[in-house]
Amino acid sequence: WPTYGFPLFIFFAFIPLLIAEFNIRNHSKSWVKLKVFGVS
């Protein structure tokens, strides 16, 4: 983020969160929505 940051990072910034959601969606059996909400 401006003004101190470098915007190239923004092109990859959501990927870890998307991976976390994918993991929870496919491997968690309880409190799934709450876990997704929590990590996001």
Full PDB file with SEQRES, HELIX, SHEET, SSBOND, CRYST1, ORIGX, SCALE, CONECT and MASTER records, all heavy atoms in Angstrom:
SEQRES   1 A   40  TRP PRO THR TYR GLY PHE PRO LEU PHE ILE PHE PHE ALA          
SEQRES   2 A   40  PHE ILE PRO LEU LEU ILE ALA GLU PHE ASN ILE ARG ASN          
SEQRES   3 A   40  HIS SER LYS SER TRP VAL LYS LEU LYS VAL PHE GLY VAL          
SEQRES   4 A   40  SER                                                          
HELIX    1 AA1 PRO A    7  PHE A   11  5                                   5    
HELIX    2 AA2 ILE A   15  HIS A   27  1                                  13    
HELIX    3 AA3 VAL A   32  VAL A   39  1                                   8    
CRYST1    1.000    1.000    1.000  90.00  90.00  90.00 P 1           1          
ORIGX1      1.000000  0.000000  0.000000        0.00000                         
ORIGX2      0.000000  1.000000  0.000000        0.00000                         
ORIGX3      0.000000  0.000000  1.000000        0.00000                         
SCALE1      1.000000  0.000000  0.000000        0.00000                         
SCALE2      0.000000  1.000000  0.000000        0.00000                         
SCALE3      0.000000  0.000000  1.000000        0.00000                         
ATOM      1  N   TRP A   1       0.810  -1.222   0.000  1.00  0.00           N  
ATOM      2  CA  TRP A   1       0.000   0.000   0.000  1.00  0.00           C  
ATOM      3  C   TRP A   1       0.842   1.270   0.000  1.00  0.00           C  
ATOM      4  O   TRP A   1       1.911   1.332   0.599  1.00  0.00           O  
ATOM      5  CB  TRP A   1      -0.944  -0.003   1.207  1.00  0.00           C  
ATOM      6  CG  TRP A   1      -2.235   0.671   0.855  1.00  0.00           C  
ATOM      7  CD1 TRP A   1      -2.667   1.900   1.237  1.00  0.00           C  
ATOM      8  CD2 TRP A   1      -3.219   0.152  -0.031  1.00  0.00           C  
ATOM      9  NE1 TRP A   1      -3.885   2.177   0.651  1.00  0.00           N  
ATOM     10  CE2 TRP A   1      -4.243   1.122  -0.131  1.00  0.00           C  
ATOM     11  CE3 TRP A   1      -3.347  -1.031  -0.754  1.00  0.00           C  
ATOM     12  CZ2 TRP A   1      -5.385   0.937  -0.920  1.00  0.00           C  
ATOM     13  CZ3 TRP A   1      -4.468  -1.227  -1.535  1.00  0.00           C  
ATOM     14  CH2 TRP A   1      -5.469  -0.249  -1.609  1.00  0.00           C  
ATOM     15  N   PRO A   2       0.342   2.309  -0.695  1.00  0.00           N  
ATOM     16  CA  PRO A   2       1.030   3.596  -0.660  1.00  0.00           C  
ATOM     17  C   PRO A   2       0.917   4.223   0.742  1.00  0.00           C  
ATOM     18  O   PRO A   2      -0.014   3.921   1.480  1.00  0.00           O  
ATOM     19  CB  PRO A   2       0.259   4.430  -1.696  1.00  0.00           C  
ATOM     20  CG  PRO A   2      -1.088   3.788  -1.814  1.00  0.00           C  
ATOM     21  CD  PRO A   2      -0.874   2.339  -1.544  1.00  0.00           C  
ATOM     22  N   THR A   3       1.892   5.037   1.104  1.00  0.00           N  
ATOM     23  CA  THR A   3       2.909   5.567   0.221  1.00  0.00           C  
ATOM     24  C   THR A   3       4.256   4.873   0.406  1.00  0.00           C  
ATOM     25  O   THR A   3       5.213   5.151  -0.315  1.00  0.00           O  
ATOM     26  CB  THR A   3       3.080   7.079   0.478  1.00  0.00           C  
ATOM     27  OG1 THR A   3       3.440   7.274   1.848  1.00  0.00           O  
ATOM     28  CG2 THR A   3       1.795   7.826   0.209  1.00  0.00           C  
ATOM     29  N   TYR A   4       4.333   3.972   1.378  1.00  0.00           N  
ATOM     30  CA  TYR A   4       5.608   3.317   1.688  1.00  0.00           C  
ATOM     31  C   TYR A   4       5.786   1.999   0.954  1.00  0.00           C  
ATOM     32  O   TYR A   4       6.889   1.477   0.855  1.00  0.00           O  
ATOM     33  CB  TYR A   4       5.689   3.039   3.198  1.00  0.00           C  
ATOM     34  CG  TYR A   4       4.472   2.332   3.726  1.00  0.00           C  
ATOM     35  CD1 TYR A   4       4.300   0.962   3.538  1.00  0.00           C  
ATOM     36  CD2 TYR A   4       3.458   3.040   4.368  1.00  0.00           C  
ATOM     37  CE1 TYR A   4       3.169   0.312   3.984  1.00  0.00           C  
ATOM     38  CE2 TYR A   4       2.317   2.393   4.826  1.00  0.00           C  
ATOM     39  CZ  TYR A   4       2.183   1.030   4.629  1.00  0.00           C  
ATOM     40  OH  TYR A   4       1.048   0.389   5.068  1.00  0.00           O  
ATOM     41  N   GLY A   5       4.700   1.410   0.441  1.00  0.00           N  
ATOM     42  CA  GLY A   5       4.743   0.047  -0.081  1.00  0.00           C  
ATOM     43  C   GLY A   5       5.117  -0.036  -1.551  1.00  0.00           C  
ATOM     44  O   GLY A   5       5.277   0.973  -2.249  1.00  0.00           O  
ATOM     45  N   PHE A   6       5.224  -1.274  -2.014  1.00  0.00           N  
ATOM     46  CA  PHE A   6       5.534  -1.567  -3.421  1.00  0.00           C  
ATOM     47  C   PHE A   6       4.400  -2.407  -3.991  1.00  0.00           C  
ATOM     48  O   PHE A   6       4.156  -3.527  -3.528  1.00  0.00           O  
ATOM     49  CB  PHE A   6       6.857  -2.309  -3.523  1.00  0.00           C  
ATOM     50  CG  PHE A   6       7.289  -2.566  -4.937  1.00  0.00           C  
ATOM     51  CD1 PHE A   6       7.309  -1.539  -5.885  1.00  0.00           C  
ATOM     52  CD2 PHE A   6       7.687  -3.837  -5.330  1.00  0.00           C  
ATOM     53  CE1 PHE A   6       7.713  -1.785  -7.196  1.00  0.00           C  
ATOM     54  CE2 PHE A   6       8.091  -4.088  -6.636  1.00  0.00           C  
ATOM     55  CZ  PHE A   6       8.104  -3.050  -7.567  1.00  0.00           C  
ATOM     56  N   PRO A   7       3.672  -1.886  -4.980  1.00  0.00           N  
ATOM     57  CA  PRO A   7       2.424  -2.535  -5.399  1.00  0.00           C  
ATOM     58  C   PRO A   7       2.579  -3.867  -6.104  1.00  0.00           C  
ATOM     59  O   PRO A   7       1.579  -4.560  -6.307  1.00  0.00           O  
ATOM     60  CB  PRO A   7       1.789  -1.488  -6.331  1.00  0.00           C  
ATOM     61  CG  PRO A   7       2.917  -0.654  -6.809  1.00  0.00           C  
ATOM     62  CD  PRO A   7       3.902  -0.611  -5.680  1.00  0.00           C  
ATOM     63  N   LEU A   8       3.792  -4.260  -6.467  1.00  0.00           N  
ATOM     64  CA  LEU A   8       3.949  -5.577  -7.087  1.00  0.00           C  
ATOM     65  C   LEU A   8       3.473  -6.686  -6.159  1.00  0.00           C  
ATOM     66  O   LEU A   8       2.948  -7.709  -6.613  1.00  0.00           O  
ATOM     67  CB  LEU A   8       5.417  -5.801  -7.469  1.00  0.00           C  
ATOM     68  CG  LEU A   8       5.704  -7.059  -8.295  1.00  0.00           C  
ATOM     69  CD1 LEU A   8       5.010  -7.005  -9.648  1.00  0.00           C  
ATOM     70  CD2 LEU A   8       7.210  -7.244  -8.471  1.00  0.00           C  
ATOM     71  N   PHE A   9       3.600  -6.485  -4.853  1.00  0.00           N  
ATOM     72  CA  PHE A   9       3.169  -7.509  -3.883  1.00  0.00           C  
ATOM     73  C   PHE A   9       1.664  -7.757  -3.933  1.00  0.00           C  
ATOM     74  O   PHE A   9       1.201  -8.843  -3.575  1.00  0.00           O  
ATOM     75  CB  PHE A   9       3.561  -7.090  -2.471  1.00  0.00           C  
ATOM     76  CG  PHE A   9       5.038  -7.073  -2.219  1.00  0.00           C  
ATOM     77  CD1 PHE A   9       5.688  -5.894  -1.892  1.00  0.00           C  
ATOM     78  CD2 PHE A   9       5.787  -8.230  -2.305  1.00  0.00           C  
ATOM     79  CE1 PHE A   9       7.054  -5.869  -1.654  1.00  0.00           C  
ATOM     80  CE2 PHE A   9       7.160  -8.228  -2.074  1.00  0.00           C  
ATOM     81  CZ  PHE A   9       7.793  -7.032  -1.746  1.00  0.00           C  
ATOM     82  N   ILE A  10       0.888  -6.765  -4.365  1.00  0.00           N  
ATOM     83  CA  ILE A  10      -0.570  -6.893  -4.361  1.00  0.00           C  
ATOM     84  C   ILE A  10      -1.043  -7.988  -5.312  1.00  0.00           C  
ATOM     85  O   ILE A  10      -2.102  -8.579  -5.112  1.00  0.00           O  
ATOM     86  CB  ILE A  10      -1.247  -5.549  -4.726  1.00  0.00           C  
ATOM     87  CG1 ILE A  10      -2.720  -5.518  -4.273  1.00  0.00           C  
ATOM     88  CG2 ILE A  10      -1.172  -5.262  -6.211  1.00  0.00           C  
ATOM     89  CD1 ILE A  10      -2.920  -5.307  -2.825  1.00  0.00           C  
ATOM     90  N   PHE A  11      -0.222  -8.274  -6.342  1.00  0.00           N  
ATOM     91  CA  PHE A  11      -0.606  -9.301  -7.313  1.00  0.00           C  
ATOM     92  C   PHE A  11      -0.540 -10.715  -6.737  1.00  0.00           C  
ATOM     93  O   PHE A  11      -1.013 -11.671  -7.373  1.00  0.00           O  
ATOM     94  CB  PHE A  11       0.281  -9.210  -8.552  1.00  0.00           C  
ATOM     95  CG  PHE A  11       0.079  -7.944  -9.349  1.00  0.00           C  
ATOM     96  CD1 PHE A  11       1.094  -7.004  -9.463  1.00  0.00           C  
ATOM     97  CD2 PHE A  11      -1.131  -7.691  -9.981  1.00  0.00           C  
ATOM     98  CE1 PHE A  11       0.917  -5.845 -10.198  1.00  0.00           C  
ATOM     99  CE2 PHE A  11      -1.320  -6.526 -10.718  1.00  0.00           C  
ATOM    100  CZ  PHE A  11      -0.299  -5.606 -10.819  1.00  0.00           C  
ATOM    101  N   PHE A  12       0.049 -10.863  -5.568  1.00  0.00           N  
ATOM    102  CA  PHE A  12       0.172 -12.178  -4.936  1.00  0.00           C  
ATOM    103  C   PHE A  12      -0.385 -12.174  -3.507  1.00  0.00           C  
ATOM    104  O   PHE A  12      -0.342 -13.201  -2.829  1.00  0.00           O  
ATOM    105  CB  PHE A  12       1.647 -12.607  -4.915  1.00  0.00           C  
ATOM    106  CG  PHE A  12       2.327 -12.438  -6.238  1.00  0.00           C  
ATOM    107  CD1 PHE A  12       3.119 -11.326  -6.497  1.00  0.00           C  
ATOM    108  CD2 PHE A  12       2.150 -13.375  -7.249  1.00  0.00           C  
ATOM    109  CE1 PHE A  12       3.734 -11.153  -7.733  1.00  0.00           C  
ATOM    110  CE2 PHE A  12       2.765 -13.213  -8.481  1.00  0.00           C  
ATOM    111  CZ  PHE A  12       3.553 -12.095  -8.728  1.00  0.00           C  
ATOM    112  N   ALA A  13      -0.916 -11.035  -3.075  1.00  0.00           N  
ATOM    113  CA  ALA A  13      -1.274 -10.867  -1.667  1.00  0.00           C  
ATOM    114  C   ALA A  13      -2.465 -11.714  -1.229  1.00  0.00           C  
ATOM    115  O   ALA A  13      -2.540 -12.145  -0.081  1.00  0.00           O  
ATOM    116  CB  ALA A  13      -1.553  -9.387  -1.384  1.00  0.00           C  
ATOM    117  N   PHE A  14      -3.414 -11.949  -2.126  1.00  0.00           N  
ATOM    118  CA  PHE A  14      -4.605 -12.715  -1.752  1.00  0.00           C  
ATOM    119  C   PHE A  14      -4.391 -14.228  -1.823  1.00  0.00           C  
ATOM    120  O   PHE A  14      -5.222 -14.997  -1.335  1.00  0.00           O  
ATOM    121  CB  PHE A  14      -5.783 -12.335  -2.644  1.00  0.00           C  
ATOM    122  CG  PHE A  14      -6.362 -10.979  -2.344  1.00  0.00           C  
ATOM    123  CD1 PHE A  14      -6.055  -9.890  -3.134  1.00  0.00           C  
ATOM    124  CD2 PHE A  14      -7.213 -10.796  -1.263  1.00  0.00           C  
ATOM    125  CE1 PHE A  14      -6.577  -8.636  -2.863  1.00  0.00           C  
ATOM    126  CE2 PHE A  14      -7.742  -9.544  -0.977  1.00  0.00           C  
ATOM    127  CZ  PHE A  14      -7.425  -8.456  -1.776  1.00  0.00           C  
ATOM    128  N   ILE A  15      -3.301 -14.656  -2.437  1.00  0.00           N  
ATOM    129  CA  ILE A  15      -3.103 -16.094  -2.682  1.00  0.00           C  
ATOM    130  C   ILE A  15      -3.037 -16.906  -1.391  1.00  0.00           C  
ATOM    131  O   ILE A  15      -3.704 -17.948  -1.274  1.00  0.00           O  
ATOM    132  CB  ILE A  15      -1.854 -16.315  -3.566  1.00  0.00           C  
ATOM    133  CG1 ILE A  15      -2.092 -15.716  -4.954  1.00  0.00           C  
ATOM    134  CG2 ILE A  15      -1.533 -17.809  -3.669  1.00  0.00           C  
ATOM    135  CD1 ILE A  15      -0.857 -15.649  -5.813  1.00  0.00           C  
ATOM    136  N   PRO A  16      -2.265 -16.499  -0.377  1.00  0.00           N  
ATOM    137  CA  PRO A  16      -2.262 -17.292   0.859  1.00  0.00           C  
ATOM    138  C   PRO A  16      -3.649 -17.417   1.489  1.00  0.00           C  
ATOM    139  O   PRO A  16      -4.008 -18.498   1.980  1.00  0.00           O  
ATOM    140  CB  PRO A  16      -1.310 -16.507   1.774  1.00  0.00           C  
ATOM    141  CG  PRO A  16      -0.414 -15.750   0.837  1.00  0.00           C  
ATOM    142  CD  PRO A  16      -1.277 -15.385  -0.326  1.00  0.00           C  
ATOM    143  N   LEU A  17      -4.427 -16.351   1.466  1.00  0.00           N  
ATOM    144  CA  LEU A  17      -5.782 -16.408   2.028  1.00  0.00           C  
ATOM    145  C   LEU A  17      -6.672 -17.335   1.209  1.00  0.00           C  
ATOM    146  O   LEU A  17      -7.484 -18.088   1.768  1.00  0.00           O  
ATOM    147  CB  LEU A  17      -6.379 -15.005   2.086  1.00  0.00           C  
ATOM    148  CG  LEU A  17      -7.797 -14.885   2.665  1.00  0.00           C  
ATOM    149  CD1 LEU A  17      -7.843 -15.425   4.093  1.00  0.00           C  
ATOM    150  CD2 LEU A  17      -8.273 -13.435   2.625  1.00  0.00           C  
ATOM    151  N   LEU A  18      -6.538 -17.305  -0.099  1.00  0.00           N  
ATOM    152  CA  LEU A  18      -7.300 -18.212  -0.958  1.00  0.00           C  
ATOM    153  C   LEU A  18      -6.931 -19.665  -0.690  1.00  0.00           C  
ATOM    154  O   LEU A  18      -7.796 -20.561  -0.696  1.00  0.00           O  
ATOM    155  CB  LEU A  18      -7.066 -17.856  -2.427  1.00  0.00           C  
ATOM    156  CG  LEU A  18      -7.689 -16.541  -2.919  1.00  0.00           C  
ATOM    157  CD1 LEU A  18      -7.102 -16.147  -4.273  1.00  0.00           C  
ATOM    158  CD2 LEU A  18      -9.201 -16.659  -3.000  1.00  0.00           C  
ATOM    159  N   ILE A  19      -5.654 -19.914  -0.451  1.00  0.00           N  
ATOM    160  CA  ILE A  19      -5.222 -21.275  -0.120  1.00  0.00           C  
ATOM    161  C   ILE A  19      -5.806 -21.715   1.220  1.00  0.00           C  
ATOM    162  O   ILE A  19      -6.269 -22.854   1.375  1.00  0.00           O  
ATOM    163  CB  ILE A  19      -3.675 -21.351  -0.093  1.00  0.00           C  
ATOM    164  CG1 ILE A  19      -3.109 -21.150  -1.506  1.00  0.00           C  
ATOM    165  CG2 ILE A  19      -3.212 -22.682   0.484  1.00  0.00           C  
ATOM    166  CD1 ILE A  19      -1.587 -21.040  -1.543  1.00  0.00           C  
ATOM    167  N   ALA A  20      -5.801 -20.800   2.190  1.00  0.00           N  
ATOM    168  CA  ALA A  20      -6.367 -21.126   3.501  1.00  0.00           C  
ATOM    169  C   ALA A  20      -7.848 -21.469   3.377  1.00  0.00           C  
ATOM    170  O   ALA A  20      -8.324 -22.456   3.974  1.00  0.00           O  
ATOM    171  CB  ALA A  20      -6.172 -19.954   4.462  1.00  0.00           C  
ATOM    172  N   GLU A  21      -8.591 -20.689   2.608  1.00  0.00           N  
ATOM    173  CA  GLU A  21     -10.018 -20.973   2.407  1.00  0.00           C  
ATOM    174  C   GLU A  21     -10.203 -22.313   1.723  1.00  0.00           C  
ATOM    175  O   GLU A  21     -11.078 -23.110   2.104  1.00  0.00           O  
ATOM    176  CB  GLU A  21     -10.657 -19.853   1.579  1.00  0.00           C  
ATOM    177  CG  GLU A  21     -12.153 -19.960   1.406  1.00  0.00           C  
ATOM    178  CD  GLU A  21     -12.585 -20.937   0.312  1.00  0.00           C  
ATOM    179  OE1 GLU A  21     -11.807 -21.102  -0.669  1.00  0.00           O  
ATOM    180  OE2 GLU A  21     -13.685 -21.529   0.435  1.00  0.00           O  
ATOM    181  N   PHE A  22      -9.393 -22.618   0.732  1.00  0.00           N  
ATOM    182  CA  PHE A  22      -9.478 -23.882   0.010  1.00  0.00           C  
ATOM    183  C   PHE A  22      -9.215 -25.058   0.963  1.00  0.00           C  
ATOM    184  O   PHE A  22      -9.918 -26.077   0.923  1.00  0.00           O  
ATOM    185  CB  PHE A  22      -8.481 -23.891  -1.145  1.00  0.00           C  
ATOM    186  CG  PHE A  22      -8.516 -25.135  -1.979  1.00  0.00           C  
ATOM    187  CD1 PHE A  22      -9.422 -25.268  -3.011  1.00  0.00           C  
ATOM    188  CD2 PHE A  22      -7.636 -26.182  -1.716  1.00  0.00           C  
ATOM    189  CE1 PHE A  22      -9.460 -26.428  -3.779  1.00  0.00           C  
ATOM    190  CE2 PHE A  22      -7.660 -27.347  -2.484  1.00  0.00           C  
ATOM    191  CZ  PHE A  22      -8.579 -27.462  -3.516  1.00  0.00           C  
ATOM    192  N   ASN A  23      -8.208 -24.907   1.810  1.00  0.00           N  
ATOM    193  CA  ASN A  23      -7.888 -25.969   2.778  1.00  0.00           C  
ATOM    194  C   ASN A  23      -9.062 -26.206   3.736  1.00  0.00           C  
ATOM    195  O   ASN A  23      -9.439 -27.354   4.012  1.00  0.00           O  
ATOM    196  CB  ASN A  23      -6.645 -25.601   3.577  1.00  0.00           C  
ATOM    197  CG  ASN A  23      -5.378 -25.639   2.741  1.00  0.00           C  
ATOM    198  OD1 ASN A  23      -5.352 -26.251   1.669  1.00  0.00           O  
ATOM    199  ND2 ASN A  23      -4.340 -24.980   3.219  1.00  0.00           N  
ATOM    200  N   ILE A  24      -9.624 -25.136   4.252  1.00  0.00           N  
ATOM    201  CA  ILE A  24     -10.738 -25.257   5.192  1.00  0.00           C  
ATOM    202  C   ILE A  24     -11.954 -25.874   4.508  1.00  0.00           C  
ATOM    203  O   ILE A  24     -12.615 -26.768   5.055  1.00  0.00           O  
ATOM    204  CB  ILE A  24     -11.092 -23.875   5.778  1.00  0.00           C  
ATOM    205  CG1 ILE A  24      -9.946 -23.355   6.636  1.00  0.00           C  
ATOM    206  CG2 ILE A  24     -12.384 -23.952   6.601  1.00  0.00           C  
ATOM    207  CD1 ILE A  24     -10.083 -21.902   7.038  1.00  0.00           C  
ATOM    208  N   ARG A  25     -12.224 -25.420   3.300  1.00  0.00           N  
ATOM    209  CA  ARG A  25     -13.399 -25.909   2.571  1.00  0.00           C  
ATOM    210  C   ARG A  25     -13.304 -27.405   2.285  1.00  0.00           C  
ATOM    211  O   ARG A  25     -14.311 -28.122   2.295  1.00  0.00           O  
ATOM    212  CB  ARG A  25     -13.535 -25.136   1.251  1.00  0.00           C  
ATOM    213  CG  ARG A  25     -14.759 -25.526   0.451  1.00  0.00           C  
ATOM    214  CD  ARG A  25     -14.897 -24.789  -0.873  1.00  0.00           C  
ATOM    215  NE  ARG A  25     -13.917 -23.825  -1.215  1.00  0.00           N  
ATOM    216  CZ  ARG A  25     -13.322 -23.752  -2.401  1.00  0.00           C  
ATOM    217  NH1 ARG A  25     -13.572 -24.680  -3.337  1.00  0.00           N  
ATOM    218  NH2 ARG A  25     -12.456 -22.792  -2.669  1.00  0.00           N  
ATOM    219  N   ASN A  26     -12.110 -27.900   2.026  1.00  0.00           N  
ATOM    220  CA  ASN A  26     -11.962 -29.288   1.598  1.00  0.00           C  
ATOM    221  C   ASN A  26     -11.530 -30.248   2.699  1.00  0.00           C  
ATOM    222  O   ASN A  26     -11.632 -31.469   2.515  1.00  0.00           O  
ATOM    223  CB  ASN A  26     -10.949 -29.360   0.448  1.00  0.00           C  
ATOM    224  CG  ASN A  26     -11.501 -28.807  -0.841  1.00  0.00           C  
ATOM    225  OD1 ASN A  26     -12.227 -29.489  -1.562  1.00  0.00           O  
ATOM    226  ND2 ASN A  26     -11.172 -27.544  -1.130  1.00  0.00           N  
ATOM    227  N   HIS A  27     -11.061 -29.711   3.825  1.00  0.00           N  
ATOM    228  CA  HIS A  27     -10.532 -30.605   4.845  1.00  0.00           C  
ATOM    229  C   HIS A  27     -11.169 -30.436   6.224  1.00  0.00           C  
ATOM    230  O   HIS A  27     -11.033 -31.332   7.062  1.00  0.00           O  
ATOM    231  CB  HIS A  27      -9.011 -30.435   4.970  1.00  0.00           C  
ATOM    232  CG  HIS A  27      -8.279 -30.675   3.691  1.00  0.00           C  
ATOM    233  ND1 HIS A  27      -8.268 -31.892   3.050  1.00  0.00           N  
ATOM    234  CD2 HIS A  27      -7.554 -29.835   2.898  1.00  0.00           C  
ATOM    235  CE1 HIS A  27      -7.558 -31.806   1.933  1.00  0.00           C  
ATOM    236  NE2 HIS A  27      -7.121 -30.564   1.811  1.00  0.00           N  
ATOM    237  N   SER A  28     -11.838 -29.322   6.463  1.00  0.00           N  
ATOM    238  CA  SER A  28     -12.483 -29.131   7.767  1.00  0.00           C  
ATOM    239  C   SER A  28     -13.882 -29.715   7.741  1.00  0.00           C  
ATOM    240  O   SER A  28     -14.604 -29.591   6.750  1.00  0.00           O  
ATOM    241  CB  SER A  28     -12.537 -27.642   8.123  1.00  0.00           C  
ATOM    242  OG  SER A  28     -11.252 -27.141   8.360  1.00  0.00           O  
ATOM    243  N   LYS A  29     -14.296 -30.307   8.849  1.00  0.00           N  
ATOM    244  CA  LYS A  29     -15.618 -30.941   8.921  1.00  0.00           C  
ATOM    245  C   LYS A  29     -16.570 -30.202   9.863  1.00  0.00           C  
ATOM    246  O   LYS A  29     -17.755 -30.507   9.894  1.00  0.00           O  
ATOM    247  CB  LYS A  29     -15.476 -32.397   9.350  1.00  0.00           C  
ATOM    248  CG  LYS A  29     -14.654 -33.234   8.387  1.00  0.00           C  
ATOM    249  CD  LYS A  29     -14.696 -34.692   8.752  1.00  0.00           C  
ATOM    250  CE  LYS A  29     -13.816 -35.522   7.824  1.00  0.00           C  
ATOM    251  NZ  LYS A  29     -14.264 -35.446   6.428  1.00  0.00           N  
ATOM    252  N   SER A  30     -16.068 -29.258  10.636  1.00  0.00           N  
ATOM    253  CA  SER A  30     -16.928 -28.531  11.568  1.00  0.00           C  
ATOM    254  C   SER A  30     -16.532 -27.055  11.611  1.00  0.00           C  
ATOM    255  O   SER A  30     -15.368 -26.709  11.358  1.00  0.00           O  
ATOM    256  CB  SER A  30     -16.824 -29.132  12.973  1.00  0.00           C  
ATOM    257  OG  SER A  30     -15.491 -29.050  13.452  1.00  0.00           O  
ATOM    258  N   TRP A  31     -17.505 -26.235  11.921  1.00  0.00           N  
ATOM    259  CA  TRP A  31     -17.287 -24.791  12.038  1.00  0.00           C  
ATOM    260  C   TRP A  31     -16.596 -24.208  10.792  1.00  0.00           C  
ATOM    261  O   TRP A  31     -15.744 -23.324  10.887  1.00  0.00           O  
ATOM    262  CB  TRP A  31     -16.451 -24.454  13.281  1.00  0.00           C  
ATOM    263  CG  TRP A  31     -17.009 -24.994  14.550  1.00  0.00           C  
ATOM    264  CD1 TRP A  31     -16.630 -26.132  15.196  1.00  0.00           C  
ATOM    265  CD2 TRP A  31     -18.058 -24.422  15.336  1.00  0.00           C  
ATOM    266  NE1 TRP A  31     -17.369 -26.319  16.345  1.00  0.00           N  
ATOM    267  CE2 TRP A  31     -18.255 -25.270  16.466  1.00  0.00           C  
ATOM    268  CE3 TRP A  31     -18.842 -23.272  15.201  1.00  0.00           C  
ATOM    269  CZ2 TRP A  31     -19.211 -25.013  17.436  1.00  0.00           C  
ATOM    270  CZ3 TRP A  31     -19.790 -23.011  16.185  1.00  0.00           C  
ATOM    271  CH2 TRP A  31     -19.969 -23.874  17.275  1.00  0.00           C  
ATOM    272  N   VAL A  32     -16.972 -24.706   9.649  1.00  0.00           N  
ATOM    273  CA  VAL A  32     -16.270 -24.339   8.416  1.00  0.00           C  
ATOM    274  C   VAL A  32     -16.421 -22.846   8.111  1.00  0.00           C  
ATOM    275  O   VAL A  32     -15.436 -22.135   7.862  1.00  0.00           O  
ATOM    276  CB  VAL A  32     -16.786 -25.186   7.228  1.00  0.00           C  
ATOM    277  CG1 VAL A  32     -16.129 -24.731   5.928  1.00  0.00           C  
ATOM    278  CG2 VAL A  32     -16.499 -26.664   7.483  1.00  0.00           C  
ATOM    279  N   LYS A  33     -17.657 -22.353   8.123  1.00  0.00           N  
ATOM    280  CA  LYS A  33     -17.888 -20.936   7.813  1.00  0.00           C  
ATOM    281  C   LYS A  33     -17.197 -20.031   8.826  1.00  0.00           C  
ATOM    282  O   LYS A  33     -16.625 -18.995   8.470  1.00  0.00           O  
ATOM    283  CB  LYS A  33     -19.386 -20.630   7.762  1.00  0.00           C  
ATOM    284  CG  LYS A  33     -20.137 -21.263   6.613  1.00  0.00           C  
ATOM    285  CD  LYS A  33     -21.572 -20.767   6.576  1.00  0.00           C  
ATOM    286  CE  LYS A  33     -22.356 -21.362   5.406  1.00  0.00           C  
ATOM    287  NZ  LYS A  33     -22.629 -22.786   5.600  1.00  0.00           N  
ATOM    288  N   LEU A  34     -17.259 -20.419  10.077  1.00  0.00           N  
ATOM    289  CA  LEU A  34     -16.629 -19.621  11.118  1.00  0.00           C  
ATOM    290  C   LEU A  34     -15.115 -19.570  10.939  1.00  0.00           C  
ATOM    291  O   LEU A  34     -14.481 -18.520  11.139  1.00  0.00           O  
ATOM    292  CB  LEU A  34     -16.971 -20.198  12.494  1.00  0.00           C  
ATOM    293  CG  LEU A  34     -16.476 -19.393  13.711  1.00  0.00           C  
ATOM    294  CD1 LEU A  34     -17.082 -17.994  13.711  1.00  0.00           C  
ATOM    295  CD2 LEU A  34     -16.803 -20.125  15.002  1.00  0.00           C  
ATOM    296  N   LYS A  35     -14.519 -20.688  10.549  1.00  0.00           N  
ATOM    297  CA  LYS A  35     -13.069 -20.715  10.314  1.00  0.00           C  
ATOM    298  C   LYS A  35     -12.681 -19.839   9.125  1.00  0.00           C  
ATOM    299  O   LYS A  35     -11.679 -19.116   9.177  1.00  0.00           O  
ATOM    300  CB  LYS A  35     -12.611 -22.153  10.080  1.00  0.00           C  
ATOM    301  CG  LYS A  35     -12.652 -23.026  11.320  1.00  0.00           C  
ATOM    302  CD  LYS A  35     -12.257 -24.465  11.002  1.00  0.00           C  
ATOM    303  CE  LYS A  35     -12.330 -25.347  12.238  1.00  0.00           C  
ATOM    304  NZ  LYS A  35     -12.018 -26.762  11.936  1.00  0.00           N  
ATOM    305  N   VAL A  36     -13.484 -19.903   8.056  1.00  0.00           N  
ATOM    306  CA  VAL A  36     -13.215 -19.044   6.889  1.00  0.00           C  
ATOM    307  C   VAL A  36     -13.331 -17.578   7.275  1.00  0.00           C  
ATOM    308  O   VAL A  36     -12.485 -16.750   6.915  1.00  0.00           O  
ATOM    309  CB  VAL A  36     -14.180 -19.384   5.733  1.00  0.00           C  
ATOM    310  CG1 VAL A  36     -14.079 -18.340   4.621  1.00  0.00           C  
ATOM    311  CG2 VAL A  36     -13.882 -20.770   5.188  1.00  0.00           C  
ATOM    312  N   PHE A  37     -14.382 -17.273   8.013  1.00  0.00           N  
ATOM    313  CA  PHE A  37     -14.549 -15.894   8.463  1.00  0.00           C  
ATOM    314  C   PHE A  37     -13.380 -15.463   9.343  1.00  0.00           C  
ATOM    315  O   PHE A  37     -12.864 -14.341   9.227  1.00  0.00           O  
ATOM    316  CB  PHE A  37     -15.868 -15.739   9.230  1.00  0.00           C  
ATOM    317  CG  PHE A  37     -16.122 -14.340   9.711  1.00  0.00           C  
ATOM    318  CD1 PHE A  37     -16.674 -13.389   8.875  1.00  0.00           C  
ATOM    319  CD2 PHE A  37     -15.792 -13.976  11.016  1.00  0.00           C  
ATOM    320  CE1 PHE A  37     -16.887 -12.096   9.323  1.00  0.00           C  
ATOM    321  CE2 PHE A  37     -16.007 -12.688  11.468  1.00  0.00           C  
ATOM    322  CZ  PHE A  37     -16.557 -11.751  10.619  1.00  0.00           C  
ATOM    323  N   GLY A  38     -12.931 -16.352  10.208  1.00  0.00           N  
ATOM    324  CA  GLY A  38     -11.846 -16.013  11.124  1.00  0.00           C  
ATOM    325  C   GLY A  38     -10.537 -15.710  10.422  1.00  0.00           C  
ATOM    326  O   GLY A  38      -9.880 -14.701  10.713  1.00  0.00           O  
ATOM    327  N   VAL A  39     -10.140 -16.585   9.475  1.00  0.00           N  
ATOM    328  CA  VAL A  39      -8.867 -16.345   8.781  1.00  0.00           C  
ATOM    329  C   VAL A  39      -8.946 -15.108   7.895  1.00  0.00           C  
ATOM    330  O   VAL A  39      -7.977 -14.339   7.789  1.00  0.00           O  
ATOM    331  CB  VAL A  39      -8.423 -17.578   7.961  1.00  0.00           C  
ATOM    332  CG1 VAL A  39      -8.116 -18.751   8.861  1.00  0.00           C  
ATOM    333  CG2 VAL A  39      -9.443 -17.960   6.898  1.00  0.00           C  
ATOM    334  N   SER A  40     -10.095 -14.886   7.264  1.00  0.00           N  
ATOM    335  CA  SER A  40     -10.223 -13.702   6.409  1.00  0.00           C  
ATOM    336  C   SER A  40     -10.225 -12.429   7.256  1.00  0.00           C  
ATOM    337  O   SER A  40      -9.599 -11.430   6.888  1.00  0.00           O  
ATOM    338  CB  SER A  40     -11.495 -13.782   5.555  1.00  0.00           C  
ATOM    339  OG  SER A  40     -12.663 -13.838   6.354  1.00  0.00           O  
TER     340      SER A  40                                                      
MASTER        0    0    0    3    0    0    0    6  339    1    0    4          
END                                                                             
